[in-house]
């Protein structure tokens, strides 16, 4: 190997050993559909709980909160990245 970054490494467990940290709330329509199907308490009106749990690095707004235990930041794409072919 000549140094630099490599997407493939040997590890016990293979690719399934790679953990990614991703925070996704989901689409509000999914929550509302769950409520309509009888899942009490699973409507988008509960989104205040997401805001309370979140600590958004860029600050609070209508959809994001600060002060919570879940650190969150928006990843900006690098300017020098090319789209895949």
PDB file of N, CA and C in Angstrom:
ATOM      1  N   UNK A   1       0.855  -1.179   0.000  1.00  0.00           N
ATOM      2  CA  UNK A   1       0.000   0.000   0.000  1.00  0.00           C
ATOM      3  C   UNK A   1       0.891   1.229   0.000  1.00  0.00           C
ATOM      4  N   UNK A   2       0.484   2.227  -0.730  1.00  0.00           N
ATOM      5  CA  UNK A   2       1.325   3.408  -0.911  1.00  0.00           C
ATOM      6  C   UNK A   2       0.893   4.598  -0.077  1.00  0.00           C
ATOM      7  N   UNK A   3       0.124   4.437   0.938  1.00  0.00           N
ATOM      8  CA  UNK A   3      -0.320   5.556   1.766  1.00  0.00           C
ATOM      9  C   UNK A   3      -1.580   6.197   1.205  1.00  0.00           C
ATOM     10  N   UNK A   4      -2.082   7.189   1.889  1.00  0.00           N
ATOM     11  CA  UNK A   4      -3.314   7.830   1.455  1.00  0.00           C
ATOM     12  C   UNK A   4      -4.524   7.112   2.005  1.00  0.00           C
ATOM     13  N   UNK A   5      -5.670   7.461   1.490  1.00  0.00           N
ATOM     14  CA  UNK A   5      -6.923   6.884   1.963  1.00  0.00           C
ATOM     15  C   UNK A   5      -7.300   5.652   1.170  1.00  0.00           C
ATOM     16  N   UNK A   6      -7.908   4.716   1.822  1.00  0.00           N
ATOM     17  CA  UNK A   6      -8.381   3.504   1.165  1.00  0.00           C
ATOM     18  C   UNK A   6      -9.759   3.168   1.701  1.00  0.00           C
ATOM     19  N   UNK A   7     -10.660   2.819   0.816  1.00  0.00           N
ATOM     20  CA  UNK A   7     -12.026   2.490   1.241  1.00  0.00           C
ATOM     21  C   UNK A   7     -12.138   1.076   1.785  1.00  0.00           C
ATOM     22  N   UNK A   8     -11.161   0.226   1.514  1.00  0.00           N
ATOM     23  CA  UNK A   8     -11.239  -1.170   1.938  1.00  0.00           C
ATOM     24  C   UNK A   8     -10.105  -1.504   2.905  1.00  0.00           C
ATOM     25  N   UNK A   9     -10.449  -2.082   4.019  1.00  0.00           N
ATOM     26  CA  UNK A   9      -9.480  -2.546   5.024  1.00  0.00           C
ATOM     27  C   UNK A   9      -9.941  -3.900   5.530  1.00  0.00           C
ATOM     28  N   UNK A  10      -9.039  -4.668   6.062  1.00  0.00           N
ATOM     29  CA  UNK A  10      -9.397  -5.943   6.656  1.00  0.00           C
ATOM     30  C   UNK A  10      -9.700  -5.722   8.128  1.00  0.00           C
ATOM     31  N   UNK A  11     -10.799  -6.279   8.548  1.00  0.00           N
ATOM     32  CA  UNK A  11     -11.189  -6.164   9.942  1.00  0.00           C
ATOM     33  C   UNK A  11     -12.077  -7.348  10.296  1.00  0.00           C
ATOM     34  N   UNK A  12     -12.104  -7.690  11.571  1.00  0.00           N
ATOM     35  CA  UNK A  12     -12.959  -8.756  12.035  1.00  0.00           C
ATOM     36  C   UNK A  12     -14.413  -8.329  11.838  1.00  0.00           C
ATOM     37  N   UNK A  13     -15.149  -9.056  11.063  1.00  0.00           N
ATOM     38  CA  UNK A  13     -16.542  -8.700  10.798  1.00  0.00           C
ATOM     39  C   UNK A  13     -16.743  -8.074   9.437  1.00  0.00           C
ATOM     40  N   UNK A  14     -15.669  -7.707   8.762  1.00  0.00           N
ATOM     41  CA  UNK A  14     -15.778  -7.133   7.424  1.00  0.00           C
ATOM     42  C   UNK A  14     -16.460  -5.776   7.422  1.00  0.00           C
ATOM     43  N   UNK A  15     -17.122  -5.476   6.327  1.00  0.00           N
ATOM     44  CA  UNK A  15     -17.753  -4.160   6.155  1.00  0.00           C
ATOM     45  C   UNK A  15     -18.832  -3.882   7.191  1.00  0.00           C
ATOM     46  N   UNK A  16     -19.430  -4.925   7.742  1.00  0.00           N
ATOM     47  CA  UNK A  16     -20.476  -4.702   8.736  1.00  0.00           C
ATOM     48  C   UNK A  16     -19.911  -4.145  10.043  1.00  0.00           C
ATOM     49  N   UNK A  17     -18.598  -4.138  10.185  1.00  0.00           N
ATOM     50  CA  UNK A  17     -17.979  -3.604  11.395  1.00  0.00           C
ATOM     51  C   UNK A  17     -17.870  -2.079  11.371  1.00  0.00           C
ATOM     52  N   UNK A  18     -18.119  -1.478  10.238  1.00  0.00           N
ATOM     53  CA  UNK A  18     -18.013  -0.027  10.120  1.00  0.00           C
ATOM     54  C   UNK A  18     -19.302   0.594  10.641  1.00  0.00           C
ATOM     55  N   UNK A  19     -19.176   1.453  11.621  1.00  0.00           N
ATOM     56  CA  UNK A  19     -20.339   2.121  12.193  1.00  0.00           C
ATOM     57  C   UNK A  19     -20.437   3.534  11.646  1.00  0.00           C
ATOM     58  N   UNK A  20     -21.617   3.930  11.279  1.00  0.00           N
ATOM     59  CA  UNK A  20     -21.846   5.299  10.821  1.00  0.00           C
ATOM     60  C   UNK A  20     -22.796   5.985  11.772  1.00  0.00           C
ATOM     61  N   UNK A  21     -22.528   7.226  12.061  1.00  0.00           N
ATOM     62  CA  UNK A  21     -23.408   8.000  12.927  1.00  0.00           C
ATOM     63  C   UNK A  21     -24.296   8.860  12.049  1.00  0.00           C
ATOM     64  N   UNK A  22     -25.582   8.561  12.051  1.00  0.00           N
ATOM     65  CA  UNK A  22     -26.515   9.262  11.195  1.00  0.00           C
ATOM     66  C   UNK A  22     -27.775   9.557  11.990  1.00  0.00           C
ATOM     67  N   UNK A  23     -28.212  10.769  11.920  1.00  0.00           N
ATOM     68  CA  UNK A  23     -29.410  11.182  12.640  1.00  0.00           C
ATOM     69  C   UNK A  23     -30.447  11.610  11.607  1.00  0.00           C
ATOM     70  N   UNK A  24     -31.510  10.836  11.488  1.00  0.00           N
ATOM     71  CA  UNK A  24     -32.562  11.134  10.526  1.00  0.00           C
ATOM     72  C   UNK A  24     -33.900  11.035  11.240  1.00  0.00           C
ATOM     73  N   UNK A  25     -34.678  12.084  11.173  1.00  0.00           N
ATOM     74  CA  UNK A  25     -35.988  12.076  11.820  1.00  0.00           C
ATOM     75  C   UNK A  25     -37.033  11.352  10.994  1.00  0.00           C
ATOM     76  N   UNK A  26     -36.944  11.426   9.698  1.00  0.00           N
ATOM     77  CA  UNK A  26     -37.961  10.859   8.834  1.00  0.00           C
ATOM     78  C   UNK A  26     -38.868  11.947   8.285  1.00  0.00           C
ATOM     79  N   UNK A  27     -39.786  11.541   7.460  1.00  0.00           N
ATOM     80  CA  UNK A  27     -40.694  12.460   6.794  1.00  0.00           C
ATOM     81  C   UNK A  27     -41.952  12.631   7.639  1.00  0.00           C
ATOM     82  N   UNK A  28     -42.422  13.861   7.748  1.00  0.00           N
ATOM     83  CA  UNK A  28     -43.596  14.126   8.594  1.00  0.00           C
ATOM     84  C   UNK A  28     -44.818  13.362   8.115  1.00  0.00           C
ATOM     85  N   UNK A  29     -44.912  13.100   6.815  1.00  0.00           N
ATOM     86  CA  UNK A  29     -46.063  12.351   6.297  1.00  0.00           C
ATOM     87  C   UNK A  29     -46.080  10.909   6.804  1.00  0.00           C
ATOM     88  N   UNK A  30     -44.896  10.335   7.019  1.00  0.00           N
ATOM     89  CA  UNK A  30     -44.845   8.975   7.569  1.00  0.00           C
ATOM     90  C   UNK A  30     -45.425   8.938   8.973  1.00  0.00           C
ATOM     91  N   UNK A  31     -45.055   9.907   9.796  1.00  0.00           N
ATOM     92  CA  UNK A  31     -45.572   9.962  11.165  1.00  0.00           C
ATOM     93  C   UNK A  31     -47.086  10.142  11.167  1.00  0.00           C
ATOM     94  N   UNK A  32     -47.575  11.034  10.315  1.00  0.00           N
ATOM     95  CA  UNK A  32     -49.014  11.262  10.258  1.00  0.00           C
ATOM     96  C   UNK A  32     -49.762  10.025   9.753  1.00  0.00           C
ATOM     97  N   UNK A  33     -49.136   9.284   8.829  1.00  0.00           N
ATOM     98  CA  UNK A  33     -49.760   8.044   8.351  1.00  0.00           C
ATOM     99  C   UNK A  33     -49.817   7.010   9.470  1.00  0.00           C
ATOM    100  N   UNK A  34     -48.758   6.917  10.257  1.00  0.00           N
ATOM    101  CA  UNK A  34     -48.755   5.980  11.388  1.00  0.00           C
ATOM    102  C   UNK A  34     -49.877   6.308  12.359  1.00  0.00           C
ATOM    103  N   UNK A  35     -50.081   7.609  12.603  1.00  0.00           N
ATOM    104  CA  UNK A  35     -51.178   8.019  13.488  1.00  0.00           C
ATOM    105  C   UNK A  35     -52.511   7.581  12.898  1.00  0.00           C
ATOM    106  N   UNK A  36     -52.693   7.789  11.591  1.00  0.00           N
ATOM    107  CA  UNK A  36     -53.949   7.416  10.938  1.00  0.00           C
ATOM    108  C   UNK A  36     -54.186   5.911  10.981  1.00  0.00           C
ATOM    109  N   UNK A  37     -53.113   5.137  11.053  1.00  0.00           N
ATOM    110  CA  UNK A  37     -53.235   3.682  11.130  1.00  0.00           C
ATOM    111  C   UNK A  37     -53.437   3.193  12.560  1.00  0.00           C
ATOM    112  N   UNK A  38     -53.514   4.114  13.509  1.00  0.00           N
ATOM    113  CA  UNK A  38     -53.818   3.736  14.879  1.00  0.00           C
ATOM    114  C   UNK A  38     -52.654   3.756  15.850  1.00  0.00           C
ATOM    115  N   UNK A  39     -51.491   4.210  15.419  1.00  0.00           N
ATOM    116  CA  UNK A  39     -50.326   4.281  16.313  1.00  0.00           C
ATOM    117  C   UNK A  39     -50.409   5.573  17.125  1.00  0.00           C
ATOM    118  N   UNK A  40     -51.013   5.473  18.273  1.00  0.00           N
ATOM    119  CA  UNK A  40     -51.247   6.647  19.116  1.00  0.00           C
ATOM    120  C   UNK A  40     -49.916   7.226  19.581  1.00  0.00           C
ATOM    121  N   UNK A  41     -49.754   8.548  19.424  1.00  0.00           N
ATOM    122  CA  UNK A  41     -48.546   9.230  19.853  1.00  0.00           C
ATOM    123  C   UNK A  41     -47.458   9.276  18.804  1.00  0.00           C
ATOM    124  N   UNK A  42     -47.710   8.741  17.610  1.00  0.00           N
ATOM    125  CA  UNK A  42     -46.690   8.727  16.565  1.00  0.00           C
ATOM    126  C   UNK A  42     -46.983   9.722  15.458  1.00  0.00           C
ATOM    127  N   UNK A  43     -47.537  10.864  15.794  1.00  0.00           N
ATOM    128  CA  UNK A  43     -47.803  11.873  14.778  1.00  0.00           C
ATOM    129  C   UNK A  43     -46.702  12.945  14.797  1.00  0.00           C
ATOM    130  N   UNK A  44     -46.636  13.719  13.749  1.00  0.00           N
ATOM    131  CA  UNK A  44     -45.577  14.721  13.614  1.00  0.00           C
ATOM    132  C   UNK A  44     -45.686  15.801  14.681  1.00  0.00           C
ATOM    133  N   UNK A  45     -46.834  15.931  15.328  1.00  0.00           N
ATOM    134  CA  UNK A  45     -46.988  16.918  16.392  1.00  0.00           C
ATOM    135  C   UNK A  45     -46.006  16.670  17.527  1.00  0.00           C
ATOM    136  N   UNK A  46     -45.444  15.487  17.594  1.00  0.00           N
ATOM    137  CA  UNK A  46     -44.452  15.148  18.616  1.00  0.00           C
ATOM    138  C   UNK A  46     -43.053  15.636  18.245  1.00  0.00           C
ATOM    139  N   UNK A  47     -42.927  16.369  17.145  1.00  0.00           N
ATOM    140  CA  UNK A  47     -41.606  16.812  16.692  1.00  0.00           C
ATOM    141  C   UNK A  47     -40.918  17.704  17.721  1.00  0.00           C
ATOM    142  N   UNK A  48     -41.658  18.252  18.649  1.00  0.00           N
ATOM    143  CA  UNK A  48     -41.045  19.049  19.715  1.00  0.00           C
ATOM    144  C   UNK A  48     -40.057  18.206  20.516  1.00  0.00           C
ATOM    145  N   UNK A  49     -40.297  16.910  20.601  1.00  0.00           N
ATOM    146  CA  UNK A  49     -39.370  16.027  21.309  1.00  0.00           C
ATOM    147  C   UNK A  49     -38.047  15.892  20.559  1.00  0.00           C
ATOM    148  N   UNK A  50     -38.107  15.899  19.227  1.00  0.00           N
ATOM    149  CA  UNK A  50     -36.875  15.888  18.442  1.00  0.00           C
ATOM    150  C   UNK A  50     -36.061  17.149  18.723  1.00  0.00           C
ATOM    151  N   UNK A  51     -36.737  18.285  18.708  1.00  0.00           N
ATOM    152  CA  UNK A  51     -36.047  19.562  18.942  1.00  0.00           C
ATOM    153  C   UNK A  51     -35.442  19.598  20.340  1.00  0.00           C
ATOM    154  N   UNK A  52     -36.145  19.057  21.316  1.00  0.00           N
ATOM    155  CA  UNK A  52     -35.657  19.056  22.688  1.00  0.00           C
ATOM    156  C   UNK A  52     -34.423  18.173  22.853  1.00  0.00           C
ATOM    157  N   UNK A  53     -34.370  17.063  22.121  1.00  0.00           N
ATOM    158  CA  UNK A  53     -33.255  16.128  22.234  1.00  0.00           C
ATOM    159  C   UNK A  53     -32.030  16.573  21.447  1.00  0.00           C
ATOM    160  N   UNK A  54     -32.216  17.480  20.506  1.00  0.00           N
ATOM    161  CA  UNK A  54     -31.160  17.837  19.568  1.00  0.00           C
ATOM    162  C   UNK A  54     -30.309  19.007  20.056  1.00  0.00           C
ATOM    163  N   UNK A  55     -29.042  18.973  19.688  1.00  0.00           N
ATOM    164  CA  UNK A  55     -28.136  20.104  19.914  1.00  0.00           C
ATOM    165  C   UNK A  55     -27.502  20.440  18.566  1.00  0.00           C
ATOM    166  N   UNK A  56     -28.196  21.232  17.769  1.00  0.00           N
ATOM    167  CA  UNK A  56     -27.769  21.584  16.413  1.00  0.00           C
ATOM    168  C   UNK A  56     -26.634  22.602  16.468  1.00  0.00           C
ATOM    169  N   UNK A  57     -25.543  22.296  15.816  1.00  0.00           N
ATOM    170  CA  UNK A  57     -24.344  23.132  15.856  1.00  0.00           C
ATOM    171  C   UNK A  57     -24.578  24.525  15.287  1.00  0.00           C
ATOM    172  N   UNK A  58     -25.447  24.661  14.295  1.00  0.00           N
ATOM    173  CA  UNK A  58     -25.659  25.983  13.690  1.00  0.00           C
ATOM    174  C   UNK A  58     -26.720  26.809  14.415  1.00  0.00           C
ATOM    175  N   UNK A  59     -27.288  26.258  15.489  1.00  0.00           N
ATOM    176  CA  UNK A  59     -28.255  26.999  16.285  1.00  0.00           C
ATOM    177  C   UNK A  59     -29.686  26.539  16.056  1.00  0.00           C
ATOM    178  N   UNK A  60     -30.560  27.034  16.892  1.00  0.00           N
ATOM    179  CA  UNK A  60     -31.967  26.641  16.838  1.00  0.00           C
ATOM    180  C   UNK A  60     -32.695  27.381  15.721  1.00  0.00           C
ATOM    181  N   UNK A  61     -33.709  26.710  15.169  1.00  0.00           N
ATOM    182  CA  UNK A  61     -34.605  27.336  14.207  1.00  0.00           C
ATOM    183  C   UNK A  61     -35.961  26.650  14.329  1.00  0.00           C
ATOM    184  N   UNK A  62     -36.822  26.804  13.345  1.00  0.00           N
ATOM    185  CA  UNK A  62     -38.163  26.213  13.413  1.00  0.00           C
ATOM    186  C   UNK A  62     -38.155  24.689  13.479  1.00  0.00           C
ATOM    187  N   UNK A  63     -37.091  24.067  12.958  1.00  0.00           N
ATOM    188  CA  UNK A  63     -37.046  22.608  12.875  1.00  0.00           C
ATOM    189  C   UNK A  63     -35.993  21.963  13.762  1.00  0.00           C
ATOM    190  N   UNK A  64     -35.070  22.733  14.325  1.00  0.00           N
ATOM    191  CA  UNK A  64     -33.953  22.184  15.087  1.00  0.00           C
ATOM    192  C   UNK A  64     -33.816  22.885  16.429  1.00  0.00           C
ATOM    193  N   UNK A  65     -33.330  22.132  17.424  1.00  0.00           N
ATOM    194  CA  UNK A  65     -33.159  22.672  18.758  1.00  0.00           C
ATOM    195  C   UNK A  65     -31.704  22.700  19.179  1.00  0.00           C
ATOM    196  N   UNK A  66     -31.461  23.284  20.334  1.00  0.00           N
ATOM    197  CA  UNK A  66     -30.133  23.305  20.937  1.00  0.00           C
ATOM    198  C   UNK A  66     -30.261  22.911  22.400  1.00  0.00           C
ATOM    199  N   UNK A  67     -29.157  22.456  22.970  1.00  0.00           N
ATOM    200  CA  UNK A  67     -29.139  22.116  24.380  1.00  0.00           C
ATOM    201  C   UNK A  67     -29.452  20.667  24.695  1.00  0.00           C
ATOM    202  N   UNK A  68     -29.824  19.875  23.690  1.00  0.00           N
ATOM    203  CA  UNK A  68     -30.141  18.468  23.918  1.00  0.00           C
ATOM    204  C   UNK A  68     -28.896  17.603  23.912  1.00  0.00           C
ATOM    205  N   UNK A  69     -29.082  16.302  24.117  1.00  0.00           N
ATOM    206  CA  UNK A  69     -27.963  15.363  24.205  1.00  0.00           C
ATOM    207  C   UNK A  69     -27.496  14.850  22.849  1.00  0.00           C
ATOM    208  N   UNK A  70     -28.303  14.990  21.795  1.00  0.00           N
ATOM    209  CA  UNK A  70     -27.939  14.500  20.464  1.00  0.00           C
ATOM    210  C   UNK A  70     -27.266  15.607  19.669  1.00  0.00           C
ATOM    211  N   UNK A  71     -25.942  15.509  19.566  1.00  0.00           N
ATOM    212  CA  UNK A  71     -25.198  16.495  18.787  1.00  0.00           C
ATOM    213  C   UNK A  71     -25.534  16.316  17.309  1.00  0.00           C
ATOM    214  N   UNK A  72     -25.795  17.407  16.629  1.00  0.00           N
ATOM    215  CA  UNK A  72     -26.173  17.348  15.226  1.00  0.00           C
ATOM    216  C   UNK A  72     -25.549  18.518  14.483  1.00  0.00           C
ATOM    217  N   UNK A  73     -25.052  18.235  13.289  1.00  0.00           N
ATOM    218  CA  UNK A  73     -24.543  19.309  12.438  1.00  0.00           C
ATOM    219  C   UNK A  73     -24.848  18.945  11.003  1.00  0.00           C
ATOM    220  N   UNK A  74     -24.943  19.937  10.179  1.00  0.00           N
ATOM    221  CA  UNK A  74     -25.202  19.721   8.770  1.00  0.00           C
ATOM    222  C   UNK A  74     -23.869  19.626   8.052  1.00  0.00           C
ATOM    223  N   UNK A  75     -23.686  18.561   7.324  1.00  0.00           N
ATOM    224  CA  UNK A  75     -22.441  18.387   6.589  1.00  0.00           C
ATOM    225  C   UNK A  75     -22.564  19.075   5.247  1.00  0.00           C
ATOM    226  N   UNK A  76     -21.629  19.933   4.967  1.00  0.00           N
ATOM    227  CA  UNK A  76     -21.594  20.630   3.694  1.00  0.00           C
ATOM    228  C   UNK A  76     -20.693  19.868   2.729  1.00  0.00           C
ATOM    229  N   UNK A  77     -21.108  19.715   1.484  1.00  0.00           N
ATOM    230  CA  UNK A  77     -20.243  19.024   0.529  1.00  0.00           C
ATOM    231  C   UNK A  77     -18.991  19.838   0.242  1.00  0.00           C
ATOM    232  N   UNK A  78     -17.901  19.130   0.007  1.00  0.00           N
ATOM    233  CA  UNK A  78     -16.651  19.818  -0.319  1.00  0.00           C
ATOM    234  C   UNK A  78     -16.740  20.355  -1.738  1.00  0.00           C
ATOM    235  N   UNK A  79     -16.167  21.539  -1.944  1.00  0.00           N
ATOM    236  CA  UNK A  79     -16.229  22.190  -3.250  1.00  0.00           C
ATOM    237  C   UNK A  79     -15.482  21.421  -4.334  1.00  0.00           C
ATOM    238  N   UNK A  80     -14.457  20.666  -3.957  1.00  0.00           N
ATOM    239  CA  UNK A  80     -13.646  19.984  -4.954  1.00  0.00           C
ATOM    240  C   UNK A  80     -14.133  18.568  -5.254  1.00  0.00           C
ATOM    241  N   UNK A  81     -15.277  18.178  -4.753  1.00  0.00           N
ATOM    242  CA  UNK A  81     -15.802  16.843  -5.029  1.00  0.00           C
ATOM    243  C   UNK A  81     -16.525  16.831  -6.374  1.00  0.00           C
ATOM    244  N   UNK A  82     -16.273  15.778  -7.126  1.00  0.00           N
ATOM    245  CA  UNK A  82     -16.957  15.599  -8.401  1.00  0.00           C
ATOM    246  C   UNK A  82     -18.102  14.612  -8.207  1.00  0.00           C
ATOM    247  N   UNK A  83     -19.211  14.793  -8.934  1.00  0.00           N
ATOM    248  CA  UNK A  83     -20.280  13.803  -8.840  1.00  0.00           C
ATOM    249  C   UNK A  83     -19.817  12.472  -9.415  1.00  0.00           C
ATOM    250  N   UNK A  84     -20.391  11.358  -8.949  1.00  0.00           N
ATOM    251  CA  UNK A  84     -19.991  10.049  -9.479  1.00  0.00           C
ATOM    252  C   UNK A  84     -20.348   9.932 -10.948  1.00  0.00           C
ATOM    253  N   UNK A  85     -19.584   9.143 -11.678  1.00  0.00           N
ATOM    254  CA  UNK A  85     -19.831   8.948 -13.124  1.00  0.00           C
ATOM    255  C   UNK A  85     -20.991   8.014 -13.352  1.00  0.00           C
TER     256      UNK A  85
END
